[in-house]
Structures are given as structure tokens and as C-alpha cells.
Amino acid sequence: MNVHPTSAQTRVLVANSHIHDNAVGVINRPGNNTITFTSVNLRNNIIAVNGCGAVTAAFGEGTLTGANCGTNALATINNTAVMGLYHNGIHDNGIGVLSRGANATAEIAYNEITSNFTFGLHRLDSGNIRTFTPATNVISNNAASDAPNQSVGLTRKAQRRRAVRR
């Protein structure tokens, strides 16, 4: 799945899918410099046996094959690209999750990121990977992994106030 919009604001949801046997499973990157942001949410998917599993990049399009998972180095395009990954199985890819560029953020929660043979998590060119505390992801048996560089505490659901009878 290749998301590279040219409209001002783009939001995409991919849910309950099996994404496998691709150069890049899911990639989110701006198509030009006139957009405000691009956002992709992945929920309850299996992303497996791809060259790269889930990729978000701020720098625009590159070739979908190659070591950088279809992302460019710093170029004329540099816009906000966000990918939320929740409750996914991301395994047996070359790179599981890649974030490239300071305006790119991959937010991960409740995922199993395992058995990726190059990196489980990988950050290039100041890319951001945000996770939650306490730890919610299983990141195991990958050849290597970069540590997430952002962390946010989980918040509790607000309790309903009960009316006091008098």
C-alpha cells in the first residue's frame, strides 16, 4: 500500500488486513510540498514477509525497492507524515518499522514486532518512533533495533461522575 498524497490533508485507515510479499508493505510519504500532512493508521493487521513492513517518511517519494524502503534522503519535499501502528503483527520483514526525517513519526502501541532480519525498529535522518509507558509492544528476535526516541504515558479513561442523591 503506497500512500503519497498531493491533496492538503490525507488520512488513511487500514484495518484487519494481511499485507505480505511486497517490496514495501505500507508506506506513507508526502507527494509534494503543498500538503499540510499525511496520516496513516494501521490497526489489527499482519504485516509480514515484505522487504520493509511499515514505513513513514517526510521527504517524499523514492524507488519502492532498495535499502531505504522507498524513501528519499533530505530533498525539496519535507512535510509532516505520521503513522499510527496499533495491535499489529509485524514480523519476518527486512525492516519492520522505519521512520525517516524529523517530520516523520511512527507511533507504536500493542504491536508484536518480531523476527525482522535487518531491523525491528529503524530511524533514519532524525526520524521519530513514539511508544507508550508502561511498555505495550513486544519487540523481540530482530537482527537489530533502534530505540524509540519519544515516549508518552498511557492515560486513563475519565470516570463518569455519579450524581449524589440528597
N, C-alpha and C. Protein backbone atom coordinates (compact mmCIF):
# COMPACT_ATOMS: atom_id res chain seq x y z
N MET A 1 0.85 -1.16 0.00
CA MET A 1 0.00 0.00 0.00
C MET A 1 0.90 1.23 0.00
N ASN A 2 0.70 2.06 -0.99
CA ASN A 2 1.56 3.23 -1.18
C ASN A 2 0.72 4.50 -1.02
N VAL A 3 0.91 5.22 0.09
CA VAL A 3 0.18 6.45 0.35
C VAL A 3 1.15 7.61 0.13
N HIS A 4 0.95 8.37 -0.94
CA HIS A 4 1.78 9.55 -1.21
C HIS A 4 0.89 10.64 -1.81
N PRO A 5 0.11 11.29 -0.96
CA PRO A 5 -0.92 12.23 -1.41
C PRO A 5 -0.35 13.56 -1.91
N THR A 6 -1.16 14.20 -2.74
CA THR A 6 -0.86 15.56 -3.18
C THR A 6 -1.95 16.54 -2.74
N SER A 7 -2.99 16.04 -2.05
CA SER A 7 -4.02 16.93 -1.51
C SER A 7 -3.58 17.45 -0.15
N ALA A 8 -4.20 18.51 0.32
CA ALA A 8 -3.73 19.23 1.51
C ALA A 8 -3.63 18.36 2.76
N GLN A 9 -4.65 17.56 3.04
CA GLN A 9 -4.66 16.74 4.25
C GLN A 9 -5.21 15.37 3.89
N THR A 10 -4.48 14.33 4.23
CA THR A 10 -4.91 12.98 3.89
C THR A 10 -4.83 12.10 5.12
N ARG A 11 -5.92 11.35 5.36
CA ARG A 11 -5.98 10.38 6.44
C ARG A 11 -6.41 9.04 5.86
N VAL A 12 -5.69 7.97 6.20
CA VAL A 12 -5.99 6.64 5.69
C VAL A 12 -6.00 5.67 6.87
N LEU A 13 -6.98 4.76 6.88
CA LEU A 13 -7.06 3.69 7.87
C LEU A 13 -7.00 2.36 7.15
N VAL A 14 -6.10 1.48 7.62
CA VAL A 14 -6.02 0.12 7.13
C VAL A 14 -6.25 -0.79 8.33
N ALA A 15 -7.28 -1.64 8.25
CA ALA A 15 -7.63 -2.49 9.38
C ALA A 15 -7.91 -3.91 8.94
N ASN A 16 -7.51 -4.86 9.81
CA ASN A 16 -7.83 -6.28 9.64
C ASN A 16 -7.37 -6.83 8.29
N SER A 17 -6.15 -6.51 7.90
CA SER A 17 -5.62 -6.96 6.60
C SER A 17 -4.36 -7.79 6.80
N HIS A 18 -4.06 -8.62 5.81
CA HIS A 18 -2.82 -9.38 5.77
C HIS A 18 -2.02 -8.82 4.59
N ILE A 19 -0.93 -8.11 4.91
CA ILE A 19 -0.12 -7.43 3.90
C ILE A 19 1.21 -8.17 3.83
N HIS A 20 1.46 -8.84 2.70
CA HIS A 20 2.65 -9.69 2.63
C HIS A 20 3.21 -9.75 1.21
N ASP A 21 4.48 -10.16 1.13
CA ASP A 21 5.17 -10.41 -0.13
C ASP A 21 5.26 -9.18 -1.03
N ASN A 22 5.63 -8.03 -0.47
CA ASN A 22 5.81 -6.79 -1.24
C ASN A 22 7.21 -6.23 -1.00
N ALA A 23 7.64 -5.34 -1.87
CA ALA A 23 8.89 -4.62 -1.60
C ALA A 23 8.73 -3.82 -0.31
N VAL A 24 7.62 -3.08 -0.20
CA VAL A 24 7.26 -2.33 1.00
C VAL A 24 5.80 -2.63 1.30
N GLY A 25 5.52 -3.07 2.53
CA GLY A 25 4.14 -3.40 2.91
C GLY A 25 3.23 -2.18 2.88
N VAL A 26 3.53 -1.18 3.71
CA VAL A 26 2.77 0.08 3.77
C VAL A 26 3.76 1.22 3.86
N ILE A 27 3.60 2.22 2.99
CA ILE A 27 4.48 3.39 3.04
C ILE A 27 3.63 4.65 3.02
N ASN A 28 3.99 5.60 3.87
CA ASN A 28 3.31 6.88 4.00
C ASN A 28 4.34 7.98 3.80
N ARG A 29 4.14 8.80 2.76
CA ARG A 29 5.09 9.87 2.46
C ARG A 29 4.39 10.95 1.66
N PRO A 30 4.76 12.22 1.82
CA PRO A 30 4.11 13.29 1.07
C PRO A 30 4.43 13.19 -0.42
N GLY A 31 3.43 13.52 -1.24
CA GLY A 31 3.63 13.50 -2.69
C GLY A 31 4.18 14.80 -3.24
N ASN A 32 4.02 15.89 -2.47
CA ASN A 32 4.57 17.18 -2.89
C ASN A 32 4.72 18.08 -1.66
N ASN A 33 5.17 19.29 -1.88
CA ASN A 33 5.45 20.20 -0.76
C ASN A 33 4.27 21.10 -0.42
N THR A 34 3.13 20.93 -1.10
CA THR A 34 1.97 21.78 -0.81
C THR A 34 1.03 21.17 0.21
N ILE A 35 1.24 19.93 0.62
CA ILE A 35 0.35 19.30 1.58
C ILE A 35 0.61 19.83 2.98
N THR A 36 -0.38 19.68 3.87
CA THR A 36 -0.21 20.03 5.28
C THR A 36 0.33 18.84 6.04
N PHE A 37 -0.29 17.68 5.85
CA PHE A 37 0.18 16.46 6.50
C PHE A 37 -0.42 15.25 5.79
N THR A 38 0.16 14.09 6.08
CA THR A 38 -0.41 12.81 5.67
C THR A 38 -0.36 11.88 6.87
N SER A 39 -1.45 11.15 7.09
CA SER A 39 -1.57 10.30 8.26
C SER A 39 -2.13 8.94 7.87
N VAL A 40 -1.49 7.88 8.34
CA VAL A 40 -1.97 6.52 8.10
C VAL A 40 -2.06 5.82 9.45
N ASN A 41 -3.19 5.18 9.70
CA ASN A 41 -3.36 4.35 10.90
C ASN A 41 -3.50 2.90 10.48
N LEU A 42 -2.71 2.05 11.11
CA LEU A 42 -2.76 0.61 10.87
C LEU A 42 -3.25 -0.07 12.14
N ARG A 43 -4.36 -0.82 12.04
CA ARG A 43 -4.95 -1.48 13.20
C ARG A 43 -5.25 -2.93 12.89
N ASN A 44 -4.78 -3.82 13.76
CA ASN A 44 -5.11 -5.25 13.70
C ASN A 44 -4.72 -5.89 12.37
N ASN A 45 -3.53 -5.59 11.88
CA ASN A 45 -3.05 -6.17 10.62
C ASN A 45 -1.91 -7.14 10.87
N ILE A 46 -1.69 -8.01 9.91
CA ILE A 46 -0.47 -8.81 9.87
C ILE A 46 0.34 -8.27 8.71
N ILE A 47 1.54 -7.78 9.02
CA ILE A 47 2.43 -7.20 8.01
C ILE A 47 3.69 -8.06 8.03
N ALA A 48 3.81 -8.93 7.03
CA ALA A 48 4.85 -9.95 7.11
C ALA A 48 5.45 -10.25 5.73
N VAL A 49 6.70 -10.69 5.74
CA VAL A 49 7.41 -11.18 4.57
C VAL A 49 7.49 -10.11 3.47
N ASN A 50 7.74 -8.88 3.87
CA ASN A 50 7.96 -7.77 2.93
C ASN A 50 9.43 -7.35 3.03
N GLY A 51 9.94 -6.67 2.04
CA GLY A 51 11.27 -6.09 2.16
C GLY A 51 11.31 -5.13 3.34
N CYS A 52 10.29 -4.28 3.44
CA CYS A 52 10.09 -3.36 4.57
C CYS A 52 8.62 -3.45 4.96
N GLY A 53 8.32 -3.47 6.25
CA GLY A 53 6.95 -3.63 6.70
C GLY A 53 6.15 -2.35 6.66
N ALA A 54 6.39 -1.44 7.62
CA ALA A 54 5.64 -0.19 7.74
C ALA A 54 6.63 0.97 7.72
N VAL A 55 6.44 1.91 6.79
CA VAL A 55 7.40 2.99 6.56
C VAL A 55 6.67 4.33 6.56
N THR A 56 7.20 5.29 7.30
CA THR A 56 6.70 6.67 7.21
C THR A 56 7.91 7.58 7.00
N ALA A 57 7.77 8.52 6.06
CA ALA A 57 8.90 9.37 5.69
C ALA A 57 8.42 10.78 5.35
N ALA A 58 9.20 11.77 5.73
CA ALA A 58 8.84 13.17 5.49
C ALA A 58 9.35 13.69 4.15
N PHE A 59 10.24 12.96 3.50
CA PHE A 59 10.97 13.51 2.36
C PHE A 59 10.40 13.16 0.99
N GLY A 60 9.26 12.54 0.89
CA GLY A 60 8.67 12.29 -0.42
C GLY A 60 9.09 10.97 -1.02
N GLU A 61 8.81 10.83 -2.30
CA GLU A 61 8.93 9.55 -2.98
C GLU A 61 10.35 9.19 -3.35
N GLY A 62 10.61 7.91 -3.24
CA GLY A 62 11.83 7.30 -3.74
C GLY A 62 11.43 6.04 -4.47
N THR A 63 12.38 5.26 -4.91
CA THR A 63 12.08 4.00 -5.57
C THR A 63 11.61 3.00 -4.53
N LEU A 64 10.53 2.27 -4.80
CA LEU A 64 9.97 1.35 -3.81
C LEU A 64 10.87 0.18 -3.49
N THR A 65 11.89 -0.07 -4.26
CA THR A 65 12.87 -1.08 -3.90
C THR A 65 14.10 -0.38 -3.35
N GLY A 66 14.95 -1.12 -2.71
CA GLY A 66 16.20 -0.52 -2.25
C GLY A 66 16.33 -0.54 -0.74
N ALA A 67 17.51 -0.21 -0.29
CA ALA A 67 17.85 -0.30 1.13
C ALA A 67 17.10 0.70 1.99
N ASN A 68 16.60 1.79 1.42
CA ASN A 68 15.93 2.82 2.21
C ASN A 68 14.41 2.70 2.16
N CYS A 69 13.92 1.55 1.74
CA CYS A 69 12.49 1.24 1.79
C CYS A 69 11.63 2.24 1.02
N GLY A 70 12.09 2.73 -0.09
CA GLY A 70 11.29 3.64 -0.90
C GLY A 70 11.29 5.07 -0.43
N THR A 71 12.21 5.44 0.47
CA THR A 71 12.28 6.81 0.97
C THR A 71 13.47 7.53 0.37
N ASN A 72 13.37 8.84 0.27
CA ASN A 72 14.47 9.68 -0.20
C ASN A 72 15.27 10.21 0.98
N ALA A 73 16.49 10.62 0.71
CA ALA A 73 17.24 11.41 1.67
C ALA A 73 16.64 12.82 1.64
N LEU A 74 17.08 13.69 2.52
CA LEU A 74 16.56 15.05 2.58
C LEU A 74 16.52 15.66 1.18
N ALA A 75 15.33 16.11 0.82
CA ALA A 75 15.12 16.64 -0.53
C ALA A 75 14.27 17.90 -0.43
N THR A 76 13.72 18.33 -1.54
CA THR A 76 12.91 19.54 -1.55
C THR A 76 11.58 19.32 -0.85
N ILE A 77 11.09 18.08 -0.79
CA ILE A 77 9.86 17.77 -0.06
C ILE A 77 10.23 17.44 1.38
N ASN A 78 9.60 18.13 2.34
CA ASN A 78 9.83 17.85 3.76
C ASN A 78 8.57 18.28 4.52
N ASN A 79 7.61 17.37 4.65
CA ASN A 79 6.34 17.66 5.31
C ASN A 79 6.01 16.60 6.35
N THR A 80 5.02 16.89 7.17
CA THR A 80 4.63 16.01 8.26
C THR A 80 4.00 14.73 7.73
N ALA A 81 4.53 13.61 8.19
CA ALA A 81 3.99 12.29 7.87
C ALA A 81 3.92 11.50 9.18
N VAL A 82 2.74 11.02 9.50
CA VAL A 82 2.52 10.31 10.76
C VAL A 82 1.91 8.95 10.46
N MET A 83 2.39 7.93 11.17
CA MET A 83 1.81 6.60 11.04
C MET A 83 1.55 6.07 12.44
N GLY A 84 0.31 5.68 12.71
CA GLY A 84 -0.06 5.06 13.97
C GLY A 84 -0.19 3.57 13.75
N LEU A 85 0.54 2.78 14.54
CA LEU A 85 0.50 1.33 14.41
C LEU A 85 0.00 0.75 15.73
N TYR A 86 -1.17 0.12 15.72
CA TYR A 86 -1.81 -0.37 16.94
C TYR A 86 -2.31 -1.80 16.73
N HIS A 87 -1.87 -2.70 17.59
CA HIS A 87 -2.34 -4.10 17.60
C HIS A 87 -2.01 -4.84 16.30
N ASN A 88 -0.81 -4.66 15.78
CA ASN A 88 -0.39 -5.33 14.55
C ASN A 88 0.65 -6.40 14.84
N GLY A 89 0.73 -7.39 13.98
CA GLY A 89 1.83 -8.34 13.96
C GLY A 89 2.76 -7.93 12.83
N ILE A 90 3.97 -7.51 13.16
CA ILE A 90 4.93 -7.04 12.15
C ILE A 90 6.14 -7.96 12.25
N HIS A 91 6.23 -8.92 11.35
CA HIS A 91 7.27 -9.93 11.50
C HIS A 91 7.77 -10.45 10.16
N ASP A 92 8.97 -10.99 10.20
CA ASP A 92 9.62 -11.63 9.04
C ASP A 92 9.78 -10.69 7.85
N ASN A 93 9.98 -9.41 8.12
CA ASN A 93 10.29 -8.42 7.08
C ASN A 93 11.79 -8.14 7.12
N GLY A 94 12.30 -7.42 6.13
CA GLY A 94 13.68 -6.93 6.22
C GLY A 94 13.76 -5.92 7.36
N ILE A 95 13.01 -4.83 7.25
CA ILE A 95 12.88 -3.84 8.31
C ILE A 95 11.41 -3.83 8.72
N GLY A 96 11.15 -3.92 10.02
CA GLY A 96 9.77 -3.95 10.50
C GLY A 96 9.10 -2.59 10.41
N VAL A 97 9.65 -1.59 11.11
CA VAL A 97 9.09 -0.24 11.15
C VAL A 97 10.23 0.75 10.88
N LEU A 98 10.04 1.65 9.90
CA LEU A 98 11.04 2.66 9.56
C LEU A 98 10.41 4.04 9.62
N SER A 99 11.10 4.98 10.26
CA SER A 99 10.70 6.38 10.26
C SER A 99 11.88 7.20 9.76
N ARG A 100 11.64 8.05 8.75
CA ARG A 100 12.75 8.82 8.16
C ARG A 100 12.40 10.29 8.07
N GLY A 101 13.24 11.13 8.68
CA GLY A 101 13.08 12.58 8.66
C GLY A 101 12.47 13.09 9.95
N ALA A 102 12.89 14.28 10.38
CA ALA A 102 12.43 14.85 11.66
C ALA A 102 10.93 15.12 11.67
N ASN A 103 10.30 15.28 10.51
CA ASN A 103 8.85 15.49 10.45
C ASN A 103 8.07 14.19 10.30
N ALA A 104 8.73 13.07 10.42
CA ALA A 104 8.08 11.75 10.32
C ALA A 104 8.01 11.12 11.71
N THR A 105 6.83 10.59 12.05
CA THR A 105 6.65 9.92 13.34
C THR A 105 5.88 8.63 13.14
N ALA A 106 6.42 7.56 13.67
CA ALA A 106 5.71 6.28 13.76
C ALA A 106 5.36 6.09 15.23
N GLU A 107 4.08 6.00 15.52
CA GLU A 107 3.61 5.81 16.91
C GLU A 107 3.19 4.35 17.04
N ILE A 108 3.81 3.64 18.00
CA ILE A 108 3.57 2.20 18.11
C ILE A 108 2.98 1.85 19.47
N ALA A 109 1.96 0.99 19.47
CA ALA A 109 1.36 0.51 20.72
C ALA A 109 0.71 -0.85 20.49
N TYR A 110 0.97 -1.75 21.40
CA TYR A 110 0.35 -3.08 21.40
C TYR A 110 0.67 -3.88 20.13
N ASN A 111 1.88 -3.74 19.62
CA ASN A 111 2.31 -4.49 18.44
C ASN A 111 3.26 -5.60 18.83
N GLU A 112 3.33 -6.61 18.00
CA GLU A 112 4.36 -7.65 18.08
C GLU A 112 5.29 -7.42 16.90
N ILE A 113 6.48 -6.91 17.20
CA ILE A 113 7.47 -6.60 16.16
C ILE A 113 8.61 -7.58 16.36
N THR A 114 8.56 -8.69 15.62
CA THR A 114 9.46 -9.81 15.88
C THR A 114 10.03 -10.39 14.59
N SER A 115 11.21 -10.98 14.73
CA SER A 115 11.85 -11.78 13.68
C SER A 115 12.06 -11.03 12.37
N ASN A 116 12.31 -9.73 12.44
CA ASN A 116 12.67 -8.97 11.25
C ASN A 116 14.18 -9.09 11.06
N PHE A 117 14.64 -9.36 9.85
CA PHE A 117 16.02 -9.80 9.68
C PHE A 117 17.04 -8.71 9.46
N THR A 118 16.66 -7.42 9.37
CA THR A 118 17.63 -6.32 9.34
C THR A 118 17.43 -5.44 10.57
N PHE A 119 16.25 -4.87 10.73
CA PHE A 119 15.89 -4.06 11.91
C PHE A 119 14.44 -4.34 12.28
N GLY A 120 14.16 -4.34 13.57
CA GLY A 120 12.78 -4.32 14.03
C GLY A 120 12.25 -2.91 13.93
N LEU A 121 12.94 -1.97 14.59
CA LEU A 121 12.64 -0.53 14.52
C LEU A 121 13.88 0.16 13.96
N HIS A 122 13.66 1.10 13.03
CA HIS A 122 14.81 1.79 12.44
C HIS A 122 14.44 3.26 12.22
N ARG A 123 15.34 4.15 12.66
CA ARG A 123 15.17 5.59 12.49
C ARG A 123 16.30 6.12 11.62
N LEU A 124 15.95 6.85 10.56
CA LEU A 124 16.94 7.48 9.68
C LEU A 124 16.71 8.98 9.65
N ASP A 125 17.77 9.75 9.54
CA ASP A 125 17.69 11.21 9.37
C ASP A 125 16.78 11.85 10.41
N SER A 126 16.96 11.50 11.67
CA SER A 126 16.21 12.06 12.81
C SER A 126 14.73 11.68 12.81
N GLY A 127 14.39 10.56 12.19
CA GLY A 127 13.02 10.07 12.24
C GLY A 127 12.61 9.76 13.68
N ASN A 128 11.30 9.81 13.96
CA ASN A 128 10.79 9.62 15.31
C ASN A 128 9.99 8.33 15.42
N ILE A 129 10.21 7.61 16.51
CA ILE A 129 9.37 6.48 16.87
C ILE A 129 8.91 6.72 18.29
N ARG A 130 7.59 6.84 18.45
CA ARG A 130 6.98 7.13 19.75
C ARG A 130 6.31 5.87 20.28
N THR A 131 6.58 5.58 21.54
CA THR A 131 5.93 4.45 22.20
C THR A 131 5.27 4.93 23.48
N PHE A 132 4.63 4.03 24.19
CA PHE A 132 3.91 4.39 25.40
C PHE A 132 4.51 3.70 26.61
N THR A 133 4.38 4.32 27.78
CA THR A 133 4.79 3.69 29.02
C THR A 133 3.56 3.51 29.89
N PRO A 134 3.43 2.42 30.61
CA PRO A 134 4.38 1.30 30.60
C PRO A 134 4.42 0.64 29.22
N ALA A 135 5.46 -0.15 28.99
CA ALA A 135 5.70 -0.76 27.68
C ALA A 135 4.50 -1.57 27.22
N THR A 136 4.13 -1.40 25.96
CA THR A 136 2.97 -2.09 25.41
C THR A 136 3.33 -2.97 24.22
N ASN A 137 4.53 -2.86 23.68
CA ASN A 137 4.93 -3.60 22.48
C ASN A 137 5.81 -4.78 22.83
N VAL A 138 5.76 -5.81 22.01
CA VAL A 138 6.71 -6.91 22.08
C VAL A 138 7.68 -6.69 20.93
N ILE A 139 8.93 -6.37 21.25
CA ILE A 139 9.97 -6.14 20.24
C ILE A 139 11.07 -7.14 20.55
N SER A 140 11.12 -8.21 19.76
CA SER A 140 11.97 -9.33 20.12
C SER A 140 12.46 -10.09 18.88
N ASN A 141 13.61 -10.72 19.01
CA ASN A 141 14.17 -11.60 17.97
C ASN A 141 14.39 -10.90 16.64
N ASN A 142 14.65 -9.61 16.65
CA ASN A 142 15.02 -8.88 15.44
C ASN A 142 16.54 -8.87 15.34
N ALA A 143 17.07 -8.74 14.12
CA ALA A 143 18.52 -8.69 13.97
C ALA A 143 19.11 -7.50 14.74
N ALA A 144 18.42 -6.37 14.72
CA ALA A 144 18.82 -5.16 15.46
C ALA A 144 17.58 -4.31 15.62
N SER A 145 17.64 -3.31 16.48
CA SER A 145 16.55 -2.34 16.63
C SER A 145 17.11 -1.04 17.18
N ASP A 146 16.64 0.07 16.62
CA ASP A 146 16.92 1.37 17.21
C ASP A 146 15.88 1.59 18.31
N ALA A 147 16.30 2.23 19.37
CA ALA A 147 15.37 2.50 20.47
C ALA A 147 14.40 3.60 20.06
N PRO A 148 13.15 3.52 20.49
CA PRO A 148 12.23 4.65 20.27
C PRO A 148 12.82 5.90 20.93
N ASN A 149 12.63 7.05 20.31
CA ASN A 149 13.20 8.28 20.86
C ASN A 149 12.15 9.17 21.52
N GLN A 150 10.88 8.75 21.51
CA GLN A 150 9.82 9.50 22.19
C GLN A 150 8.97 8.52 22.97
N SER A 151 8.48 8.98 24.12
CA SER A 151 7.65 8.13 24.95
C SER A 151 6.57 8.97 25.61
N VAL A 152 5.37 8.41 25.68
CA VAL A 152 4.22 9.10 26.26
C VAL A 152 3.56 8.14 27.24
N GLY A 153 3.13 8.66 28.39
CA GLY A 153 2.43 7.82 29.35
C GLY A 153 1.01 7.53 28.90
N LEU A 154 0.55 6.32 29.17
CA LEU A 154 -0.84 5.99 28.87
C LEU A 154 -1.76 6.80 29.77
N THR A 155 -2.87 7.22 29.25
CA THR A 155 -3.82 7.97 30.05
C THR A 155 -5.00 7.08 30.39
N ARG A 156 -5.62 7.37 31.49
CA ARG A 156 -6.79 6.61 31.90
C ARG A 156 -8.04 7.23 31.32
N LYS A 157 -8.99 6.37 31.09
CA LYS A 157 -10.29 6.84 30.64
C LYS A 157 -10.94 7.59 31.80
N ALA A 158 -11.49 8.73 31.53
CA ALA A 158 -12.12 9.52 32.59
C ALA A 158 -13.32 8.76 33.17
N GLN A 159 -13.40 8.76 34.47
CA GLN A 159 -14.52 8.10 35.11
C GLN A 159 -15.72 9.02 35.11
N ARG A 160 -16.88 8.39 34.95
CA ARG A 160 -18.12 9.17 35.00
C ARG A 160 -18.42 9.51 36.43
N ARG A 161 -18.84 10.71 36.64
CA ARG A 161 -19.22 11.14 37.98
C ARG A 161 -20.65 10.71 38.23
N ARG A 162 -20.85 10.20 39.39
CA ARG A 162 -22.19 9.78 39.76
C ARG A 162 -22.87 10.92 40.52
N ALA A 163 -24.09 11.11 40.21
CA ALA A 163 -24.86 12.16 40.90
C ALA A 163 -25.04 11.77 42.35
N VAL A 164 -24.87 12.71 43.22
CA VAL A 164 -25.05 12.48 44.65
C VAL A 164 -26.51 12.74 45.00
N ARG A 165 -27.10 11.74 45.59
CA ARG A 165 -28.52 11.89 46.00
C ARG A 165 -28.57 12.54 47.35
N ARG A 166 -29.50 13.43 47.52
CA ARG A 166 -29.65 14.11 48.80
C ARG A 166 -31.01 13.87 49.36
